[in-house]
Amino acid sequence: MTQWGQMGFQDANSPLMEQLIFFHDHTMFILIIILTSVLYITILLMTNKFSSLLISESQKIETIWTIIPSIILLFLALPSLKLLYLLDESINPLLTIKASGHQWYWSYEYSDFMNIEFDAYMTPSTDLNEGDYRLLETDHHLIIPMKTNTRMIISSSDVIHSWAVPSLGVKVDAIPGRLNQLNLYSNRPGLFYGQCSEICGANHSFMPITIEIINMNSFNSWLMSMMNL
């Protein structure tokens, strides 16, 4: 994460987030063309002095302004549907992690290993180190390997929460009694932050998510240290 408060998207760290940004730019390009065309036609109609009271219909122009919007909607719908299916796809995950929302913290369980589970509370402002982000740092980081398909199982123990990490392009509701699934794949290592994106109570804004993405060798070393505790 380079700039949490920047205008626009955070730097993408997953192929899905890159595609979401491309789709946003694609949509904005089409909208700018439409707005420019409408503005130009509006000014043209307001400034010209030609009129005819005998014209009551024009099937040609009605056909044109029906077909062109349909074609534009196709250019928007096709990549949108493709992204919708890709966001729900989970391809041969190497690692499965369960995240449970509580009021007001997250707990994580590495389902493929025995006894690797922990709670992640927000770090108080008085305990922050230099360079840490206030209200975004947690006492335990979610550790995942880079360039590896990781399946996240999201649920909740009390009310509806939402597990969201903008730089990875993921946002899934944590619903009591229900398991939701998402796929994580990161392009590079680093620390990446998210927050609960559902209004889940008085301290809703104080249950952040901190993901530490490392290479596979470092991840294996961390697993061995956790299993030996």
C-alpha atoms as a PDB file:
ATOM      1  CA  MET A   1       0.000   0.000   0.000  1.00  0.00           C
ATOM      2  CA  THR A   2       1.558   3.291  -1.071  1.00  0.00           C
ATOM      3  CA  GLN A   3      -1.113   5.897  -0.341  1.00  0.00           C
ATOM      4  CA  TRP A   4      -4.205   4.929   1.626  1.00  0.00           C
ATOM      5  CA  GLY A   5      -5.818   8.341   1.183  1.00  0.00           C
ATOM      6  CA  GLN A   6      -5.062   8.798  -2.496  1.00  0.00           C
ATOM      7  CA  MET A   7      -7.770   9.721  -4.973  1.00  0.00           C
ATOM      8  CA  GLY A   8      -8.618   6.626  -6.991  1.00  0.00           C
ATOM      9  CA  PHE A   9      -7.615   2.999  -6.635  1.00  0.00           C
ATOM     10  CA  GLN A  10      -4.775   1.606  -4.586  1.00  0.00           C
ATOM     11  CA  ASP A  11      -1.919  -0.019  -6.489  1.00  0.00           C
ATOM     12  CA  ALA A  12      -3.142  -3.405  -7.683  1.00  0.00           C
ATOM     13  CA  ASN A  13      -1.453  -6.485  -6.261  1.00  0.00           C
ATOM     14  CA  SER A  14      -3.501  -9.181  -7.979  1.00  0.00           C
ATOM     15  CA  PRO A  15      -4.539  -9.998 -11.556  1.00  0.00           C
ATOM     16  CA  LEU A  16      -8.200  -9.544 -10.589  1.00  0.00           C
ATOM     17  CA  MET A  17      -7.632  -6.038  -9.239  1.00  0.00           C
ATOM     18  CA  GLU A  18      -5.711  -5.131 -12.398  1.00  0.00           C
ATOM     19  CA  GLN A  19      -8.668  -6.290 -14.485  1.00  0.00           C
ATOM     20  CA  LEU A  20     -11.084  -4.325 -12.295  1.00  0.00           C
ATOM     21  CA  ILE A  21      -9.039  -1.156 -12.842  1.00  0.00           C
ATOM     22  CA  PHE A  22      -8.901  -1.814 -16.605  1.00  0.00           C
ATOM     23  CA  PHE A  23     -12.686  -2.268 -16.652  1.00  0.00           C
ATOM     24  CA  HIS A  24     -13.151   0.978 -14.709  1.00  0.00           C
ATOM     25  CA  ASP A  25     -10.976   2.855 -17.235  1.00  0.00           C
ATOM     26  CA  HIS A  26     -12.819   1.191 -20.122  1.00  0.00           C
ATOM     27  CA  THR A  27     -16.190   2.244 -18.680  1.00  0.00           C
ATOM     28  CA  MET A  28     -15.061   5.800 -17.972  1.00  0.00           C
ATOM     29  CA  PHE A  29     -13.746   6.135 -21.547  1.00  0.00           C
ATOM     30  CA  ILE A  30     -17.155   5.136 -22.949  1.00  0.00           C
ATOM     31  CA  LEU A  31     -18.984   7.477 -20.539  1.00  0.00           C
ATOM     32  CA  ILE A  32     -16.768  10.420 -21.519  1.00  0.00           C
ATOM     33  CA  ILE A  33     -17.529   9.793 -25.205  1.00  0.00           C
ATOM     34  CA  ILE A  34     -21.277   9.656 -24.460  1.00  0.00           C
ATOM     35  CA  LEU A  35     -21.252  12.823 -22.340  1.00  0.00           C
ATOM     36  CA  THR A  36     -19.195  14.689 -24.933  1.00  0.00           C
ATOM     37  CA  SER A  37     -21.547  13.626 -27.728  1.00  0.00           C
ATOM     38  CA  VAL A  38     -24.665  14.584 -25.776  1.00  0.00           C
ATOM     39  CA  LEU A  39     -23.166  17.958 -24.843  1.00  0.00           C
ATOM     40  CA  TYR A  40     -22.171  18.636 -28.459  1.00  0.00           C
ATOM     41  CA  ILE A  41     -25.618  17.700 -29.807  1.00  0.00           C
ATOM     42  CA  THR A  42     -27.346  19.786 -27.107  1.00  0.00           C
ATOM     43  CA  ILE A  43     -25.290  22.874 -27.973  1.00  0.00           C
ATOM     44  CA  LEU A  44     -25.876  22.248 -31.682  1.00  0.00           C
ATOM     45  CA  LEU A  45     -29.661  22.069 -31.210  1.00  0.00           C
ATOM     46  CA  MET A  46     -29.727  25.192 -29.049  1.00  0.00           C
ATOM     47  CA  THR A  47     -27.667  27.305 -31.447  1.00  0.00           C
ATOM     48  CA  ASN A  48     -29.070  26.379 -34.860  1.00  0.00           C
ATOM     49  CA  LYS A  49     -32.046  28.327 -36.241  1.00  0.00           C
ATOM     50  CA  PHE A  50     -33.468  25.681 -38.552  1.00  0.00           C
ATOM     51  CA  SER A  51     -36.806  24.103 -37.690  1.00  0.00           C
ATOM     52  CA  SER A  52     -39.665  22.402 -39.459  1.00  0.00           C
ATOM     53  CA  LEU A  53     -43.198  22.010 -38.166  1.00  0.00           C
ATOM     54  CA  LEU A  54     -43.980  19.369 -40.796  1.00  0.00           C
ATOM     55  CA  ILE A  55     -41.615  16.694 -39.434  1.00  0.00           C
ATOM     56  CA  SER A  56     -43.534  14.424 -37.045  1.00  0.00           C
ATOM     57  CA  GLU A  57     -41.427  11.266 -37.149  1.00  0.00           C
ATOM     58  CA  SER A  58     -38.191   9.797 -38.464  1.00  0.00           C
ATOM     59  CA  GLN A  59     -37.882   6.016 -38.353  1.00  0.00           C
ATOM     60  CA  LYS A  60     -34.245   6.179 -39.424  1.00  0.00           C
ATOM     61  CA  ILE A  61     -33.094   8.310 -36.479  1.00  0.00           C
ATOM     62  CA  GLU A  62     -35.267   6.313 -34.046  1.00  0.00           C
ATOM     63  CA  THR A  63     -33.628   3.106 -35.274  1.00  0.00           C
ATOM     64  CA  ILE A  64     -30.161   4.631 -34.864  1.00  0.00           C
ATOM     65  CA  TRP A  65     -30.692   5.872 -31.318  1.00  0.00           C
ATOM     66  CA  THR A  66     -32.084   2.459 -30.337  1.00  0.00           C
ATOM     67  CA  ILE A  67     -29.304   0.339 -31.858  1.00  0.00           C
ATOM     68  CA  ILE A  68     -26.305   2.442 -30.787  1.00  0.00           C
ATOM     69  CA  PRO A  69     -27.110   2.332 -27.012  1.00  0.00           C
ATOM     70  CA  SER A  70     -27.639  -1.440 -27.289  1.00  0.00           C
ATOM     71  CA  ILE A  71     -24.182  -1.846 -28.826  1.00  0.00           C
ATOM     72  CA  ILE A  72     -22.662   0.347 -26.105  1.00  0.00           C
ATOM     73  CA  LEU A  73     -24.335  -1.779 -23.420  1.00  0.00           C
ATOM     74  CA  LEU A  74     -22.820  -4.908 -24.982  1.00  0.00           C
ATOM     75  CA  PHE A  75     -19.342  -3.373 -24.742  1.00  0.00           C
ATOM     76  CA  LEU A  76     -20.020  -2.773 -21.034  1.00  0.00           C
ATOM     77  CA  ALA A  77     -21.849  -6.015 -20.215  1.00  0.00           C
ATOM     78  CA  LEU A  78     -19.469  -8.565 -21.745  1.00  0.00           C
ATOM     79  CA  PRO A  79     -16.297  -7.620 -19.781  1.00  0.00           C
ATOM     80  CA  SER A  80     -18.431  -7.048 -16.676  1.00  0.00           C
ATOM     81  CA  LEU A  81     -19.873 -10.595 -16.814  1.00  0.00           C
ATOM     82  CA  LYS A  82     -16.407 -12.027 -17.459  1.00  0.00           C
ATOM     83  CA  LEU A  83     -15.050 -10.291 -14.355  1.00  0.00           C
ATOM     84  CA  LEU A  84     -18.063 -11.368 -12.303  1.00  0.00           C
ATOM     85  CA  TYR A  85     -17.312 -15.036 -12.977  1.00  0.00           C
ATOM     86  CA  LEU A  86     -13.547 -14.628 -12.498  1.00  0.00           C
ATOM     87  CA  LEU A  87     -14.072 -13.067  -9.062  1.00  0.00           C
ATOM     88  CA  ASP A  88     -15.945 -16.181  -7.886  1.00  0.00           C
ATOM     89  CA  GLU A  89     -13.553 -18.690  -9.452  1.00  0.00           C
ATOM     90  CA  SER A  90     -11.228 -20.697  -7.212  1.00  0.00           C
ATOM     91  CA  ILE A  91      -8.576 -22.614  -9.174  1.00  0.00           C
ATOM     92  CA  ASN A  92      -6.697 -25.426  -7.376  1.00  0.00           C
ATOM     93  CA  PRO A  93      -5.937 -23.542  -4.137  1.00  0.00           C
ATOM     94  CA  LEU A  94      -2.683 -24.574  -2.458  1.00  0.00           C
ATOM     95  CA  LEU A  95      -3.725 -23.111   0.888  1.00  0.00           C
ATOM     96  CA  THR A  96      -7.041 -22.665   2.682  1.00  0.00           C
ATOM     97  CA  ILE A  97      -7.568 -20.089   5.420  1.00  0.00           C
ATOM     98  CA  LYS A  98     -10.761 -19.447   7.376  1.00  0.00           C
ATOM     99  CA  ALA A  99     -11.471 -15.891   8.546  1.00  0.00           C
ATOM    100  CA  SER A 100     -14.177 -15.308  11.157  1.00  0.00           C
ATOM    101  CA  GLY A 101     -15.531 -11.900  12.065  1.00  0.00           C
ATOM    102  CA  HIS A 102     -16.231 -10.974  15.693  1.00  0.00           C
ATOM    103  CA  GLN A 103     -17.236  -7.774  17.449  1.00  0.00           C
ATOM    104  CA  TRP A 104     -14.715  -6.291  16.817  1.00  0.00           C
ATOM    105  CA  TYR A 105     -11.756  -8.290  15.571  1.00  0.00           C
ATOM    106  CA  TRP A 106     -10.892 -11.034  13.076  1.00  0.00           C
ATOM    107  CA  SER A 107      -9.753 -14.562  13.836  1.00  0.00           C
ATOM    108  CA  TYR A 108      -7.857 -16.733  11.346  1.00  0.00           C
ATOM    109  CA  GLU A 109      -7.481 -20.487  11.078  1.00  0.00           C
ATOM    110  CA  TYR A 110      -5.125 -22.292   8.700  1.00  0.00           C
ATOM    111  CA  SER A 111      -7.356 -25.254   7.910  1.00  0.00           C
ATOM    112  CA  ASP A 112      -4.605 -27.350   6.261  1.00  0.00           C
ATOM    113  CA  PHE A 113      -2.469 -27.404   9.423  1.00  0.00           C
ATOM    114  CA  MET A 114      -3.059 -28.350  13.019  1.00  0.00           C
ATOM    115  CA  ASN A 115      -3.174 -25.720  15.762  1.00  0.00           C
ATOM    116  CA  ILE A 116      -2.397 -22.689  13.593  1.00  0.00           C
ATOM    117  CA  GLU A 117      -5.012 -20.139  14.521  1.00  0.00           C
ATOM    118  CA  PHE A 118      -4.943 -16.680  16.070  1.00  0.00           C
ATOM    119  CA  ASP A 119      -6.954 -13.510  16.639  1.00  0.00           C
ATOM    120  CA  ALA A 120      -6.014 -10.189  15.028  1.00  0.00           C
ATOM    121  CA  TYR A 121      -6.855  -7.096  17.078  1.00  0.00           C
ATOM    122  CA  MET A 122      -6.209  -3.517  16.067  1.00  0.00           C
ATOM    123  CA  THR A 123      -2.940  -2.187  17.462  1.00  0.00           C
ATOM    124  CA  PRO A 124      -3.574   0.736  19.884  1.00  0.00           C
ATOM    125  CA  SER A 125      -2.137   4.082  18.834  1.00  0.00           C
ATOM    126  CA  THR A 126       0.192   4.041  21.846  1.00  0.00           C
ATOM    127  CA  ASP A 127       1.830   0.778  20.656  1.00  0.00           C
ATOM    128  CA  LEU A 128       2.442   1.748  17.028  1.00  0.00           C
ATOM    129  CA  ASN A 129       5.968   1.630  15.647  1.00  0.00           C
ATOM    130  CA  GLU A 130       7.396   4.185  13.258  1.00  0.00           C
ATOM    131  CA  GLY A 131       5.867   3.703   9.819  1.00  0.00           C
ATOM    132  CA  ASP A 132       2.768   1.841  11.054  1.00  0.00           C
ATOM    133  CA  TYR A 133      -0.649   3.032   9.924  1.00  0.00           C
ATOM    134  CA  ARG A 134      -3.000   4.195  12.655  1.00  0.00           C
ATOM    135  CA  LEU A 135      -6.297   2.246  12.802  1.00  0.00           C
ATOM    136  CA  LEU A 136      -4.995  -0.195  10.157  1.00  0.00           C
ATOM    137  CA  GLU A 137      -2.234  -2.108  11.948  1.00  0.00           C
ATOM    138  CA  THR A 138      -3.020  -5.348  13.803  1.00  0.00           C
ATOM    139  CA  ASP A 139      -1.127  -7.253  16.485  1.00  0.00           C
ATOM    140  CA  HIS A 140      -1.066 -10.389  14.289  1.00  0.00           C
ATOM    141  CA  HIS A 141      -0.712 -10.357  10.508  1.00  0.00           C
ATOM    142  CA  LEU A 142      -2.397 -12.771   8.142  1.00  0.00           C
ATOM    143  CA  ILE A 143       0.599 -14.454   6.458  1.00  0.00           C
ATOM    144  CA  ILE A 144       0.182 -15.815   2.924  1.00  0.00           C
ATOM    145  CA  PRO A 145       2.699 -16.801   0.225  1.00  0.00           C
ATOM    146  CA  MET A 146       3.013 -14.721  -2.928  1.00  0.00           C
ATOM    147  CA  LYS A 147       2.108 -16.036  -6.403  1.00  0.00           C
ATOM    148  CA  THR A 148       0.059 -18.818  -4.864  1.00  0.00           C
ATOM    149  CA  ASN A 149      -3.669 -19.481  -5.117  1.00  0.00           C
ATOM    150  CA  THR A 150      -5.070 -19.118  -1.613  1.00  0.00           C
ATOM    151  CA  ARG A 151      -8.687 -19.882  -0.765  1.00  0.00           C
ATOM    152  CA  MET A 152     -10.291 -17.755   1.933  1.00  0.00           C
ATOM    153  CA  ILE A 153     -13.369 -19.062   3.754  1.00  0.00           C
ATOM    154  CA  ILE A 154     -15.239 -16.131   5.291  1.00  0.00           C
ATOM    155  CA  SER A 155     -17.819 -16.370   8.073  1.00  0.00           C
ATOM    156  CA  SER A 156     -18.957 -14.572  11.226  1.00  0.00           C
ATOM    157  CA  SER A 157     -19.770 -15.536  14.791  1.00  0.00           C
ATOM    158  CA  ASP A 158     -22.190 -12.722  15.631  1.00  0.00           C
ATOM    159  CA  VAL A 159     -23.338 -10.096  13.108  1.00  0.00           C
ATOM    160  CA  ILE A 160     -22.665  -9.438   9.420  1.00  0.00           C
ATOM    161  CA  HIS A 161     -19.133  -8.217   8.761  1.00  0.00           C
ATOM    162  CA  SER A 162     -17.295  -7.701   5.481  1.00  0.00           C
ATOM    163  CA  TRP A 163     -13.724  -8.833   4.751  1.00  0.00           C
ATOM    164  CA  ALA A 164     -12.257  -6.364   2.246  1.00  0.00           C
ATOM    165  CA  VAL A 165      -8.727  -5.694   0.954  1.00  0.00           C
ATOM    166  CA  PRO A 166      -8.819  -3.080  -1.854  1.00  0.00           C
ATOM    167  CA  SER A 167      -5.342  -3.714  -3.298  1.00  0.00           C
ATOM    168  CA  LEU A 168      -6.216  -7.396  -3.835  1.00  0.00           C
ATOM    169  CA  GLY A 169      -9.642  -6.610  -5.278  1.00  0.00           C
ATOM    170  CA  VAL A 170     -11.605  -8.662  -2.740  1.00  0.00           C
ATOM    171  CA  LYS A 171     -14.652  -7.807  -0.635  1.00  0.00           C
ATOM    172  CA  VAL A 172     -16.847 -10.567   0.789  1.00  0.00           C
ATOM    173  CA  ASP A 173     -19.565 -10.448   3.446  1.00  0.00           C
ATOM    174  CA  ALA A 174     -19.019 -12.513   6.594  1.00  0.00           C
ATOM    175  CA  ILE A 175     -22.469 -13.869   7.475  1.00  0.00           C
ATOM    176  CA  PRO A 176     -23.279 -15.912  10.612  1.00  0.00           C
ATOM    177  CA  GLY A 177     -24.051 -19.541   9.778  1.00  0.00           C
ATOM    178  CA  ARG A 178     -22.818 -19.229   6.201  1.00  0.00           C
ATOM    179  CA  LEU A 179     -19.459 -19.788   4.500  1.00  0.00           C
ATOM    180  CA  ASN A 180     -18.444 -17.490   1.655  1.00  0.00           C
ATOM    181  CA  GLN A 181     -15.399 -18.149  -0.485  1.00  0.00           C
ATOM    182  CA  LEU A 182     -12.876 -16.013  -2.341  1.00  0.00           C
ATOM    183  CA  ASN A 183      -9.549 -16.525  -4.062  1.00  0.00           C
ATOM    184  CA  LEU A 184      -6.359 -14.585  -3.258  1.00  0.00           C
ATOM    185  CA  TYR A 185      -3.389 -14.331  -5.602  1.00  0.00           C
ATOM    186  CA  SER A 186      -0.698 -11.707  -5.084  1.00  0.00           C
ATOM    187  CA  ASN A 187       1.901 -10.483  -7.556  1.00  0.00           C
ATOM    188  CA  ARG A 188       4.457  -9.136  -5.084  1.00  0.00           C
ATOM    189  CA  PRO A 189       5.359  -9.272  -1.390  1.00  0.00           C
ATOM    190  CA  GLY A 190       4.593  -6.585   1.156  1.00  0.00           C
ATOM    191  CA  LEU A 191       2.074  -5.379   3.727  1.00  0.00           C
ATOM    192  CA  PHE A 192      -1.474  -4.749   2.519  1.00  0.00           C
ATOM    193  CA  TYR A 193      -4.348  -3.342   4.524  1.00  0.00           C
ATOM    194  CA  GLY A 194      -8.105  -3.603   4.584  1.00  0.00           C
ATOM    195  CA  GLN A 195     -11.033  -3.016   6.913  1.00  0.00           C
ATOM    196  CA  CYS A 196     -14.453  -4.347   7.734  1.00  0.00           C
ATOM    197  CA  SER A 197     -16.692  -2.757   5.098  1.00  0.00           C
ATOM    198  CA  GLU A 198     -20.017  -3.488   6.752  1.00  0.00           C
ATOM    199  CA  ILE A 199     -21.665  -1.355   9.441  1.00  0.00           C
ATOM    200  CA  CYS A 200     -21.500  -4.052  12.112  1.00  0.00           C
ATOM    201  CA  GLY A 201     -21.734  -2.025  15.306  1.00  0.00           C
ATOM    202  CA  ALA A 202     -20.298   0.821  17.352  1.00  0.00           C
ATOM    203  CA  ASN A 203     -16.657  -0.217  16.788  1.00  0.00           C
ATOM    204  CA  HIS A 204     -17.141  -1.177  13.156  1.00  0.00           C
ATOM    205  CA  SER A 205     -14.231   0.983  12.005  1.00  0.00           C
ATOM    206  CA  PHE A 206     -11.806  -0.596  14.490  1.00  0.00           C
ATOM    207  CA  MET A 207     -11.445  -4.104  13.057  1.00  0.00           C
ATOM    208  CA  PRO A 208      -8.745  -3.713  10.380  1.00  0.00           C
ATOM    209  CA  ILE A 209      -7.131  -6.400   8.232  1.00  0.00           C
ATOM    210  CA  THR A 210      -3.364  -6.623   7.778  1.00  0.00           C
ATOM    211  CA  ILE A 211      -2.005  -9.110   5.242  1.00  0.00           C
ATOM    212  CA  GLU A 212       1.706  -9.846   5.080  1.00  0.00           C
ATOM    213  CA  ILE A 213       2.646 -11.444   1.769  1.00  0.00           C
ATOM    214  CA  ILE A 214       6.004 -13.225   1.699  1.00  0.00           C
ATOM    215  CA  ASN A 215       7.853 -15.676  -0.540  1.00  0.00           C
ATOM    216  CA  MET A 216       7.296 -19.412  -0.224  1.00  0.00           C
ATOM    217  CA  ASN A 217      10.540 -20.168   1.633  1.00  0.00           C
ATOM    218  CA  SER A 218       9.780 -17.561   4.278  1.00  0.00           C
ATOM    219  CA  PHE A 219       6.207 -18.860   4.510  1.00  0.00           C
ATOM    220  CA  ASN A 220       7.421 -22.424   5.116  1.00  0.00           C
ATOM    221  CA  SER A 221       9.762 -21.161   7.852  1.00  0.00           C
ATOM    222  CA  TRP A 222       6.880 -19.274   9.478  1.00  0.00           C
ATOM    223  CA  LEU A 223       4.697 -22.396   9.339  1.00  0.00           C
ATOM    224  CA  MET A 224       7.379 -24.474  11.041  1.00  0.00           C
ATOM    225  CA  SER A 225       7.792 -21.872  13.788  1.00  0.00           C
ATOM    226  CA  MET A 226       4.016 -21.740  14.363  1.00  0.00           C
ATOM    227  CA  MET A 227       3.674 -25.541  14.469  1.00  0.00           C
ATOM    228  CA  ASN A 228       6.494 -25.822  17.015  1.00  0.00           C
ATOM    229  CA  LEU A 229       4.883 -23.400  19.460  1.00  0.00           C
END
